Amino acid sequence: MDRADVGALVRSAVDGDAAAWKALVEGLSPLVWSVVRAHRLSDADAHEVYQTVWFRFAQHLGRLREPEKAGSWLASTARHECLKVLRSLRRLTVTSDPHLLDRVSEDRTPEQSVLDSEEAAAESERIRWMWQEFEELGERCRQLLRVLMASPPPSYQEVSAALGIAVGSIGPLRQRCLRRLRARLDARGAL
């Protein structure tokens, strides 16, 4: 589904065309699911996010300034909703057992625990840097890489339909985006 088709369907759905709404959901659901799956949520949380994204889309349907970019709006909203769920899960985990971090396994020495902790902190820092640099990439690169990170990855035909990129351009664009990200990380000394 190309952007012009998406824009026309959004405008028709705003006017109350149920068939247009159905076509939007059928055409853009793979994109929403790929973003949700990329965040590795539980099945229940993934379905909840999926429903929330479409609910928010329905709420904002008439207010979209660029209806042809509805796919971008959905992908961005799906990502934000996934991150909300992950943040709430992290708070629940930490608050449910405040002494969890104080426990030391019987078979590990205190020195090993310190080394493991330092390695985990360094890895966490590298990941944080990677996401900071990822966010500095252009919108098109971020969208493409997010969709391609999905598990299982969508086909290039699905990516093409969701993002409006020619199938033959996806691989070269992916390479350029990854090279840019690597260069940014190299410049930071994160690799």
Protein backbone atom coordinates (compact mmCIF):
# COMPACT_ATOMS: atom_id res chain seq x y z
CA MET A 1 0.00 0.00 0.00
CA ASP A 2 1.67 3.24 -1.08
CA ARG A 3 1.38 6.56 0.71
CA ALA A 4 -1.13 8.02 -1.74
CA ASP A 5 -3.44 5.02 -1.17
CA VAL A 6 -3.01 5.36 2.59
CA GLY A 7 -3.85 9.06 2.42
CA ALA A 8 -6.97 8.42 0.36
CA LEU A 9 -8.10 5.65 2.72
CA VAL A 10 -7.57 7.87 5.77
CA ARG A 11 -9.62 10.67 4.22
CA SER A 12 -12.39 8.19 3.34
CA ALA A 13 -12.31 6.69 6.84
CA VAL A 14 -12.61 10.19 8.34
CA ASP A 15 -15.77 10.59 6.25
CA GLY A 16 -17.17 7.40 7.80
CA ASP A 17 -16.26 4.83 5.13
CA ALA A 18 -16.08 1.52 7.04
CA ALA A 19 -14.49 -0.26 4.08
CA ALA A 20 -11.66 2.31 4.06
CA TRP A 21 -11.12 1.78 7.80
CA LYS A 22 -11.01 -1.99 7.26
CA ALA A 23 -8.50 -1.58 4.40
CA LEU A 24 -6.30 0.61 6.60
CA VAL A 25 -6.31 -1.93 9.43
CA GLU A 26 -5.61 -4.84 7.07
CA GLY A 27 -2.91 -2.96 5.17
CA LEU A 28 -1.07 -1.43 8.11
CA SER A 29 -1.47 -4.13 10.76
CA PRO A 30 1.74 -5.93 9.69
CA LEU A 31 3.66 -2.70 10.32
CA VAL A 32 2.13 -2.26 13.79
CA TRP A 33 2.79 -5.90 14.67
CA SER A 34 6.40 -5.70 13.49
CA VAL A 35 7.08 -2.74 15.78
CA VAL A 36 5.33 -4.45 18.70
CA ARG A 37 7.17 -7.76 18.16
CA ALA A 38 10.49 -5.92 17.99
CA HIS A 39 10.00 -4.92 21.64
CA ARG A 40 9.58 -8.59 22.70
CA LEU A 41 6.53 -8.04 24.88
CA SER A 42 4.50 -10.93 26.27
CA ASP A 43 1.58 -12.00 24.08
CA ALA A 44 -0.92 -10.32 26.39
CA ASP A 45 1.03 -7.04 26.49
CA ALA A 46 1.62 -7.16 22.72
CA HIS A 47 -2.10 -7.53 22.02
CA GLU A 48 -2.88 -4.76 24.49
CA VAL A 49 -0.42 -2.41 22.76
CA TYR A 50 -1.79 -3.38 19.33
CA GLN A 51 -5.35 -2.53 20.44
CA THR A 52 -4.23 0.72 22.09
CA VAL A 53 -2.41 1.85 18.94
CA TRP A 54 -5.49 1.33 16.77
CA PHE A 55 -7.71 2.97 19.40
CA ARG A 56 -5.44 6.05 19.48
CA PHE A 57 -5.35 6.07 15.67
CA ALA A 58 -9.16 6.09 15.57
CA GLN A 59 -9.19 8.94 18.11
CA HIS A 60 -6.75 11.04 16.06
CA LEU A 61 -7.89 10.03 12.59
CA GLY A 62 -9.52 13.36 11.77
CA ARG A 63 -6.59 15.34 13.15
CA LEU A 64 -3.79 13.83 11.07
CA ARG A 65 -2.10 16.68 9.19
CA GLU A 66 -0.49 14.35 6.67
CA PRO A 67 -2.86 11.41 6.15
CA GLU A 68 -0.45 9.76 3.70
CA LYS A 69 2.01 9.33 6.61
CA ALA A 70 -0.42 7.30 8.70
CA GLY A 71 2.02 4.37 8.66
CA SER A 72 4.70 6.52 10.29
CA TRP A 73 2.19 7.73 12.87
CA LEU A 74 1.19 4.15 13.68
CA ALA A 75 4.80 2.93 13.94
CA SER A 76 5.76 5.82 16.20
CA THR A 77 2.70 5.35 18.40
CA ALA A 78 3.34 1.60 18.63
CA ARG A 79 6.91 2.27 19.73
CA HIS A 80 5.82 4.77 22.40
CA GLU A 81 3.14 2.41 23.72
CA CYS A 82 5.65 -0.48 23.89
CA LEU A 83 8.11 1.68 25.80
CA LYS A 84 5.35 2.68 28.25
CA VAL A 85 4.59 -0.99 28.91
CA LEU A 86 8.29 -1.83 29.33
CA ARG A 87 8.78 1.07 31.78
CA SER A 88 5.80 -0.04 33.86
CA LEU A 89 7.07 -3.63 33.89
CA ARG A 90 10.50 -2.45 35.03
CA ARG A 91 8.93 -0.47 37.90
CA LEU A 92 6.89 -3.51 38.92
CA THR A 93 9.94 -5.76 38.91
CA VAL A 94 12.03 -3.40 41.02
CA THR A 95 9.29 -2.54 43.49
CA SER A 96 8.09 -6.12 43.94
CA ASP A 97 11.38 -7.27 45.47
CA PRO A 98 13.61 -4.41 46.70
CA HIS A 99 16.23 -6.85 48.05
CA LEU A 100 16.64 -8.65 44.75
CA LEU A 101 19.85 -6.79 43.94
CA ASP A 102 21.36 -7.58 47.36
CA ARG A 103 21.21 -11.33 46.83
CA VAL A 104 24.38 -13.13 45.83
CA SER A 105 24.37 -16.57 44.35
CA GLU A 106 25.99 -19.27 46.51
CA ASP A 107 28.30 -20.38 43.73
CA ARG A 108 29.73 -16.95 42.85
CA THR A 109 32.44 -15.12 44.73
CA PRO A 110 31.97 -11.48 45.76
CA GLU A 111 34.73 -10.56 43.31
CA GLN A 112 32.88 -12.28 40.47
CA SER A 113 29.71 -10.42 41.41
CA VAL A 114 31.58 -7.10 41.20
CA LEU A 115 33.09 -8.01 37.82
CA ASP A 116 29.69 -9.12 36.49
CA SER A 117 28.14 -5.91 37.74
CA GLU A 118 30.80 -3.78 36.05
CA GLU A 119 30.41 -5.69 32.78
CA ALA A 120 26.65 -5.27 32.93
CA ALA A 121 27.03 -1.53 33.58
CA ALA A 122 29.44 -1.16 30.65
CA GLU A 123 27.10 -3.11 28.37
CA SER A 124 24.16 -1.00 29.53
CA GLU A 125 26.14 2.15 28.73
CA ARG A 126 27.01 0.86 25.23
CA ILE A 127 23.34 0.08 24.60
CA ARG A 128 22.30 3.53 25.85
CA TRP A 129 24.83 5.16 23.50
CA MET A 130 23.63 3.03 20.61
CA TRP A 131 20.01 4.14 21.15
CA GLN A 132 21.07 7.78 21.53
CA GLU A 133 22.91 7.63 18.21
CA PHE A 134 20.02 5.69 16.66
CA GLU A 135 17.65 8.52 17.62
CA GLU A 136 19.97 10.98 15.84
CA LEU A 137 19.56 9.15 12.51
CA GLY A 138 17.03 10.54 10.07
CA GLU A 139 13.37 9.56 10.46
CA ARG A 140 13.46 7.36 7.35
CA CYS A 141 16.43 5.34 8.67
CA ARG A 142 14.86 4.97 12.12
CA GLN A 143 11.57 3.75 10.64
CA LEU A 144 13.25 1.26 8.30
CA LEU A 145 15.61 -0.16 10.92
CA ARG A 146 12.82 -0.48 13.51
CA VAL A 147 10.65 -2.41 11.08
CA LEU A 148 13.54 -4.63 9.98
CA MET A 149 14.39 -5.42 13.63
CA ALA A 150 11.04 -7.14 14.07
CA SER A 151 11.00 -10.79 15.00
CA PRO A 152 10.20 -12.52 12.75
CA PRO A 153 11.36 -9.93 10.23
CA PRO A 154 8.76 -8.80 7.72
CA SER A 155 9.31 -9.52 4.04
CA TYR A 156 10.68 -6.74 1.86
CA GLN A 157 7.24 -6.62 0.18
CA GLU A 158 5.62 -5.88 3.57
CA VAL A 159 8.27 -3.26 4.36
CA SER A 160 7.75 -1.70 0.93
CA ALA A 161 3.98 -1.53 1.42
CA ALA A 162 4.22 -0.17 4.96
CA LEU A 163 6.89 2.46 4.40
CA GLY A 164 6.42 3.30 0.72
CA ILE A 165 9.97 2.28 -0.23
CA ALA A 166 10.66 0.37 -3.45
CA VAL A 167 11.62 -3.24 -2.72
CA GLY A 168 14.93 -2.84 -4.58
CA SER A 169 15.85 0.20 -2.46
CA ILE A 170 15.35 -1.43 0.94
CA GLY A 171 18.68 -3.30 1.09
CA PRO A 172 20.88 -0.38 -0.05
CA LEU A 173 19.02 2.04 2.23
CA ARG A 174 19.41 -0.38 5.15
CA GLN A 175 23.17 -0.58 4.48
CA ARG A 176 23.52 3.20 4.36
CA CYS A 177 21.57 3.60 7.58
CA LEU A 178 23.65 0.97 9.39
CA ARG A 179 26.88 2.55 8.08
CA ARG A 180 25.75 5.94 9.43
CA LEU A 181 24.92 4.40 12.80
CA ARG A 182 28.27 2.59 12.94
CA ALA A 183 30.15 5.79 12.02
CA ARG A 184 28.35 7.68 14.78
CA LEU A 185 29.17 4.95 17.30
CA ASP A 186 32.81 4.77 16.11
CA ALA A 187 33.13 8.54 16.53
CA ARG A 188 31.84 8.21 20.07
CA GLY A 189 34.19 5.29 20.77
CA ALA A 190 31.24 3.05 21.65
CA LEU A 191 32.33 0.10 19.49
